[in-house]
Every structure is written in structure tokens, then in C-alpha cells.
Amino acid sequence: ERGPASGDGASGDDLATTGTSGMIGLGLA
């Protein structure tokens, strides 16, 4: 099977991770 495009999937995951980490950081602060 052809996997997801290397750029799209990675960017989405990175954005989701970054957003979650940011929210947790703001909450702790």
C-alpha cells in the first residue's frame, strides 16, 4: 500500500503534538 505523503502526515502530527504541549505548558504556568 502507498503510505501517507511524507509531508502532510508528519506536519499534522507535529502540529497536534505542539498544540497539546503548549496547552499543558500554559495550564501549568
PDB file of all heavy atoms in Angstrom:
ATOM      1  N   GLU A   1       0.834  -1.199   0.000  1.00  0.00           N
ATOM      2  CA  GLU A   1       0.000   0.000   0.000  1.00  0.00           C
ATOM      3  C   GLU A   1       0.869   1.250   0.000  1.00  0.00           C
ATOM      4  O   GLU A   1       1.934   1.267   0.610  1.00  0.00           O
ATOM      5  CB  GLU A   1      -0.917   0.008   1.221  1.00  0.00           C
ATOM      6  CG  GLU A   1      -2.011  -1.052   1.175  1.00  0.00           C
ATOM      7  CD  GLU A   1      -2.954  -0.934   2.365  1.00  0.00           C
ATOM      8  OE1 GLU A   1      -2.617  -0.164   3.291  1.00  0.00           O
ATOM      9  OE2 GLU A   1      -4.000  -1.595   2.359  1.00  0.00           O
ATOM     10  N   ARG A   2       0.365   2.272  -0.655  1.00  0.00           N
ATOM     11  CA  ARG A   2       1.066   3.537  -0.639  1.00  0.00           C
ATOM     12  C   ARG A   2       0.758   4.243   0.667  1.00  0.00           C
ATOM     13  O   ARG A   2      -0.407   4.460   1.014  1.00  0.00           O
ATOM     14  CB  ARG A   2       0.642   4.416  -1.826  1.00  0.00           C
ATOM     15  CG  ARG A   2       1.373   5.745  -1.889  1.00  0.00           C
ATOM     16  CD  ARG A   2       0.848   6.576  -3.046  1.00  0.00           C
ATOM     17  NE  ARG A   2       1.210   5.996  -4.327  1.00  0.00           N
ATOM     18  CZ  ARG A   2       2.391   6.163  -4.922  1.00  0.00           C
ATOM     19  NH1 ARG A   2       3.335   6.867  -4.307  1.00  0.00           N
ATOM     20  NH2 ARG A   2       2.627   5.619  -6.084  1.00  0.00           N
ATOM     21  N   GLY A   3       1.779   4.603   1.442  1.00  0.00           N
ATOM     22  CA  GLY A   3       1.598   5.282   2.715  1.00  0.00           C
ATOM     23  C   GLY A   3       1.213   6.729   2.514  1.00  0.00           C
ATOM     24  O   GLY A   3       1.184   7.243   1.398  1.00  0.00           O
ATOM     25  N   PRO A   4       0.863   7.460   3.660  1.00  0.00           N
ATOM     26  CA  PRO A   4       0.522   8.888   3.536  1.00  0.00           C
ATOM     27  C   PRO A   4       1.715   9.684   3.050  1.00  0.00           C
ATOM     28  O   PRO A   4       2.860   9.302   3.280  1.00  0.00           O
ATOM     29  CB  PRO A   4       0.123   9.289   4.967  1.00  0.00           C
ATOM     30  CG  PRO A   4       0.830   8.294   5.837  1.00  0.00           C
ATOM     31  CD  PRO A   4       0.846   7.011   5.060  1.00  0.00           C
ATOM     32  N   ALA A   5       1.436  10.783   2.396  1.00  0.00           N
ATOM     33  CA  ALA A   5       2.516  11.633   1.909  1.00  0.00           C
ATOM     34  C   ALA A   5       3.385  12.057   3.072  1.00  0.00           C
ATOM     35  O   ALA A   5       2.894  12.418   4.144  1.00  0.00           O
ATOM     36  CB  ALA A   5       1.947  12.850   1.193  1.00  0.00           C
ATOM     37  N   SER A   6       4.683  11.991   2.882  1.00  0.00           N
ATOM     38  CA  SER A   6       5.612  12.219   3.977  1.00  0.00           C
ATOM     39  C   SER A   6       5.449  13.589   4.587  1.00  0.00           C
ATOM     40  O   SER A   6       5.561  13.767   5.792  1.00  0.00           O
ATOM     41  CB  SER A   6       7.055  12.047   3.482  1.00  0.00           C
ATOM     42  OG  SER A   6       7.308  12.937   2.411  1.00  0.00           O
ATOM     43  N   GLY A   7       5.095  14.616   3.816  1.00  0.00           N
ATOM     44  CA  GLY A   7       4.985  15.960   4.350  1.00  0.00           C
ATOM     45  C   GLY A   7       3.724  16.168   5.149  1.00  0.00           C
ATOM     46  O   GLY A   7       3.739  16.673   6.254  1.00  0.00           O
ATOM     47  N   ASP A   8       2.552  15.720   4.599  1.00  0.00           N
ATOM     48  CA  ASP A   8       1.269  16.015   5.209  1.00  0.00           C
ATOM     49  C   ASP A   8       1.110  15.351   6.556  1.00  0.00           C
ATOM     50  O   ASP A   8       0.753  15.963   7.553  1.00  0.00           O
ATOM     51  CB  ASP A   8       0.133  15.586   4.270  1.00  0.00           C
ATOM     52  CG  ASP A   8       0.181  16.370   2.972  1.00  0.00           C
ATOM     53  OD1 ASP A   8       0.846  17.424   2.954  1.00  0.00           O
ATOM     54  OD2 ASP A   8      -0.428  15.915   1.987  1.00  0.00           O
ATOM     55  N   GLY A   9       1.369  14.030   6.605  1.00  0.00           N
ATOM     56  CA  GLY A   9       1.140  13.305   7.845  1.00  0.00           C
ATOM     57  C   GLY A   9       2.035  13.808   8.942  1.00  0.00           C
ATOM     58  O   GLY A   9       1.624  14.020  10.078  1.00  0.00           O
ATOM     59  N   ALA A  10       3.297  14.037   8.640  1.00  0.00           N
ATOM     60  CA  ALA A  10       4.238  14.461   9.666  1.00  0.00           C
ATOM     61  C   ALA A  10       3.879  15.836  10.181  1.00  0.00           C
ATOM     62  O   ALA A  10       3.933  16.117  11.383  1.00  0.00           O
ATOM     63  CB  ALA A  10       5.654  14.469   9.111  1.00  0.00           C
ATOM     64  N   SER A  11       3.445  16.739   9.307  1.00  0.00           N
ATOM     65  CA  SER A  11       3.120  18.092   9.728  1.00  0.00           C
ATOM     66  C   SER A  11       1.930  18.092  10.653  1.00  0.00           C
ATOM     67  O   SER A  11       1.901  18.775  11.674  1.00  0.00           O
ATOM     68  CB  SER A  11       2.814  18.963   8.504  1.00  0.00           C
ATOM     69  OG  SER A  11       3.957  19.040   7.669  1.00  0.00           O
ATOM     70  N   GLY A  12       0.902  17.289  10.324  1.00  0.00           N
ATOM     71  CA  GLY A  12      -0.285  17.226  11.167  1.00  0.00           C
ATOM     72  C   GLY A  12       0.048  16.721  12.549  1.00  0.00           C
ATOM     73  O   GLY A  12      -0.403  17.258  13.566  1.00  0.00           O
ATOM     74  N   ASP A  13       0.845  15.658  12.622  1.00  0.00           N
ATOM     75  CA  ASP A  13       1.210  15.085  13.916  1.00  0.00           C
ATOM     76  C   ASP A  13       2.006  16.079  14.729  1.00  0.00           C
ATOM     77  O   ASP A  13       1.798  16.249  15.933  1.00  0.00           O
ATOM     78  CB  ASP A  13       2.023  13.802  13.711  1.00  0.00           C
ATOM     79  CG  ASP A  13       1.149  12.699  13.127  1.00  0.00           C
ATOM     80  OD1 ASP A  13      -0.080  12.846  13.179  1.00  0.00           O
ATOM     81  OD2 ASP A  13       1.729  11.712  12.604  1.00  0.00           O
ATOM     82  N   ASP A  14       2.954  16.760  14.028  1.00  0.00           N
ATOM     83  CA  ASP A  14       3.787  17.707  14.747  1.00  0.00           C
ATOM     84  C   ASP A  14       2.964  18.851  15.300  1.00  0.00           C
ATOM     85  O   ASP A  14       3.159  19.298  16.434  1.00  0.00           O
ATOM     86  CB  ASP A  14       4.874  18.271  13.812  1.00  0.00           C
ATOM     87  CG  ASP A  14       5.909  17.205  13.480  1.00  0.00           C
ATOM     88  OD1 ASP A  14       5.930  16.188  14.198  1.00  0.00           O
ATOM     89  OD2 ASP A  14       6.677  17.412  12.505  1.00  0.00           O
ATOM     90  N   LEU A  15       1.994  19.303  14.444  1.00  0.00           N
ATOM     91  CA  LEU A  15       1.155  20.397  14.909  1.00  0.00           C
ATOM     92  C   LEU A  15       0.299  19.986  16.091  1.00  0.00           C
ATOM     93  O   LEU A  15       0.125  20.730  17.063  1.00  0.00           O
ATOM     94  CB  LEU A  15       0.254  20.898  13.772  1.00  0.00           C
ATOM     95  CG  LEU A  15       0.977  21.681  12.662  1.00  0.00           C
ATOM     96  CD1 LEU A  15       0.002  21.949  11.520  1.00  0.00           C
ATOM     97  CD2 LEU A  15       1.540  22.989  13.208  1.00  0.00           C
ATOM     98  N   ALA A  16      -0.253  18.766  16.017  1.00  0.00           N
ATOM     99  CA  ALA A  16      -1.094  18.292  17.113  1.00  0.00           C
ATOM    100  C   ALA A  16      -0.288  18.167  18.391  1.00  0.00           C
ATOM    101  O   ALA A  16      -0.718  18.549  19.478  1.00  0.00           O
ATOM    102  CB  ALA A  16      -1.717  16.939  16.747  1.00  0.00           C
ATOM    103  N   THR A  17       0.930  17.625  18.265  1.00  0.00           N
ATOM    104  CA  THR A  17       1.773  17.466  19.451  1.00  0.00           C
ATOM    105  C   THR A  17       2.165  18.799  20.031  1.00  0.00           C
ATOM    106  O   THR A  17       2.125  19.019  21.238  1.00  0.00           O
ATOM    107  CB  THR A  17       3.033  16.676  19.062  1.00  0.00           C
ATOM    108  OG1 THR A  17       2.646  15.419  18.530  1.00  0.00           O
ATOM    109  CG2 THR A  17       3.925  16.455  20.274  1.00  0.00           C
ATOM    110  N   THR A  18       2.542  19.720  19.118  1.00  0.00           N
ATOM    111  CA  THR A  18       2.941  21.047  19.571  1.00  0.00           C
ATOM    112  C   THR A  18       1.793  21.753  20.280  1.00  0.00           C
ATOM    113  O   THR A  18       1.968  22.379  21.330  1.00  0.00           O
ATOM    114  CB  THR A  18       3.417  21.890  18.378  1.00  0.00           C
ATOM    115  OG1 THR A  18       4.490  21.219  17.749  1.00  0.00           O
ATOM    116  CG2 THR A  18       3.869  23.272  18.824  1.00  0.00           C
ATOM    117  N   GLY A  19       0.576  21.637  19.711  1.00  0.00           N
ATOM    118  CA  GLY A  19      -0.573  22.286  20.332  1.00  0.00           C
ATOM    119  C   GLY A  19      -0.865  21.737  21.712  1.00  0.00           C
ATOM    120  O   GLY A  19      -1.134  22.469  22.666  1.00  0.00           O
ATOM    121  N   THR A  20      -0.811  20.403  21.839  1.00  0.00           N
ATOM    122  CA  THR A  20      -1.094  19.778  23.131  1.00  0.00           C
ATOM    123  C   THR A  20      -0.065  20.183  24.161  1.00  0.00           C
ATOM    124  O   THR A  20      -0.390  20.522  25.312  1.00  0.00           O
ATOM    125  CB  THR A  20      -1.115  18.252  22.971  1.00  0.00           C
ATOM    126  OG1 THR A  20      -2.097  17.908  22.014  1.00  0.00           O
ATOM    127  CG2 THR A  20      -1.440  17.585  24.300  1.00  0.00           C
ATOM    128  N   SER A  21       1.201  20.149  23.762  1.00  0.00           N
ATOM    129  CA  SER A  21       2.268  20.509  24.693  1.00  0.00           C
ATOM    130  C   SER A  21       2.129  21.956  25.129  1.00  0.00           C
ATOM    131  O   SER A  21       2.337  22.305  26.290  1.00  0.00           O
ATOM    132  CB  SER A  21       3.637  20.301  24.023  1.00  0.00           C
ATOM    133  OG  SER A  21       3.806  18.958  23.659  1.00  0.00           O
ATOM    134  N   GLY A  22       1.742  22.820  24.193  1.00  0.00           N
ATOM    135  CA  GLY A  22       1.583  24.226  24.532  1.00  0.00           C
ATOM    136  C   GLY A  22       0.474  24.454  25.541  1.00  0.00           C
ATOM    137  O   GLY A  22       0.615  25.237  26.492  1.00  0.00           O
ATOM    138  N   MET A  23      -0.647  23.746  25.323  1.00  0.00           N
ATOM    139  CA  MET A  23      -1.762  23.897  26.254  1.00  0.00           C
ATOM    140  C   MET A  23      -1.402  23.422  27.649  1.00  0.00           C
ATOM    141  O   MET A  23      -1.750  24.044  28.664  1.00  0.00           O
ATOM    142  CB  MET A  23      -2.983  23.130  25.731  1.00  0.00           C
ATOM    143  CG  MET A  23      -3.593  23.748  24.466  1.00  0.00           C
ATOM    144  SD  MET A  23      -5.016  22.824  23.870  1.00  0.00           S
ATOM    145  CE  MET A  23      -6.151  23.082  25.227  1.00  0.00           C
ATOM    146  N   ILE A  24      -0.692  22.290  27.702  1.00  0.00           N
ATOM    147  CA  ILE A  24      -0.278  21.769  29.015  1.00  0.00           C
ATOM    148  C   ILE A  24       0.656  22.757  29.698  1.00  0.00           C
ATOM    149  O   ILE A  24       0.565  23.036  30.890  1.00  0.00           O
ATOM    150  CB  ILE A  24       0.391  20.395  28.857  1.00  0.00           C
ATOM    151  CG1 ILE A  24      -0.637  19.368  28.373  1.00  0.00           C
ATOM    152  CG2 ILE A  24       1.031  19.957  30.160  1.00  0.00           C
ATOM    153  CD1 ILE A  24      -0.056  18.015  28.048  1.00  0.00           C
ATOM    154  N   GLY A  25       1.578  23.314  28.914  1.00  0.00           N
ATOM    155  CA  GLY A  25       2.519  24.283  29.482  1.00  0.00           C
ATOM    156  C   GLY A  25       1.813  25.510  30.032  1.00  0.00           C
ATOM    157  O   GLY A  25       2.111  25.997  31.124  1.00  0.00           O
ATOM    158  N   LEU A  26       0.845  26.022  29.255  1.00  0.00           N
ATOM    159  CA  LEU A  26       0.100  27.192  29.714  1.00  0.00           C
ATOM    160  C   LEU A  26      -0.695  26.896  30.970  1.00  0.00           C
ATOM    161  O   LEU A  26      -0.800  27.717  31.902  1.00  0.00           O
ATOM    162  CB  LEU A  26      -0.832  27.678  28.595  1.00  0.00           C
ATOM    163  CG  LEU A  26      -0.147  28.329  27.380  1.00  0.00           C
ATOM    164  CD1 LEU A  26      -1.178  28.620  26.289  1.00  0.00           C
ATOM    165  CD2 LEU A  26       0.567  29.614  27.794  1.00  0.00           C
ATOM    166  N   GLY A  27      -1.264  25.689  31.037  1.00  0.00           N
ATOM    167  CA  GLY A  27      -2.040  25.300  32.220  1.00  0.00           C
ATOM    168  C   GLY A  27      -1.173  25.240  33.463  1.00  0.00           C
ATOM    169  O   GLY A  27      -1.550  25.712  34.542  1.00  0.00           O
ATOM    170  N   LEU A  28       0.010  24.637  33.315  1.00  0.00           N
ATOM    171  CA  LEU A  28       0.924  24.542  34.443  1.00  0.00           C
ATOM    172  C   LEU A  28       1.364  25.926  34.890  1.00  0.00           C
ATOM    173  O   LEU A  28       1.467  26.223  36.108  1.00  0.00           O
ATOM    174  CB  LEU A  28       2.144  23.705  34.054  1.00  0.00           C
ATOM    175  CG  LEU A  28       1.889  22.191  33.883  1.00  0.00           C
ATOM    176  CD1 LEU A  28       3.132  21.499  33.354  1.00  0.00           C
ATOM    177  CD2 LEU A  28       1.476  21.570  35.224  1.00  0.00           C
ATOM    178  N   ALA A  29       1.647  26.817  33.944  1.00  0.00           N
ATOM    179  CA  ALA A  29       2.069  28.168  34.302  1.00  0.00           C
ATOM    180  C   ALA A  29       0.978  28.907  35.058  1.00  0.00           C
ATOM    181  O   ALA A  29       1.225  29.601  36.062  1.00  0.00           O
ATOM    182  CB  ALA A  29       2.447  28.937  33.020  1.00  0.00           C
TER     183      ALA A  29
END
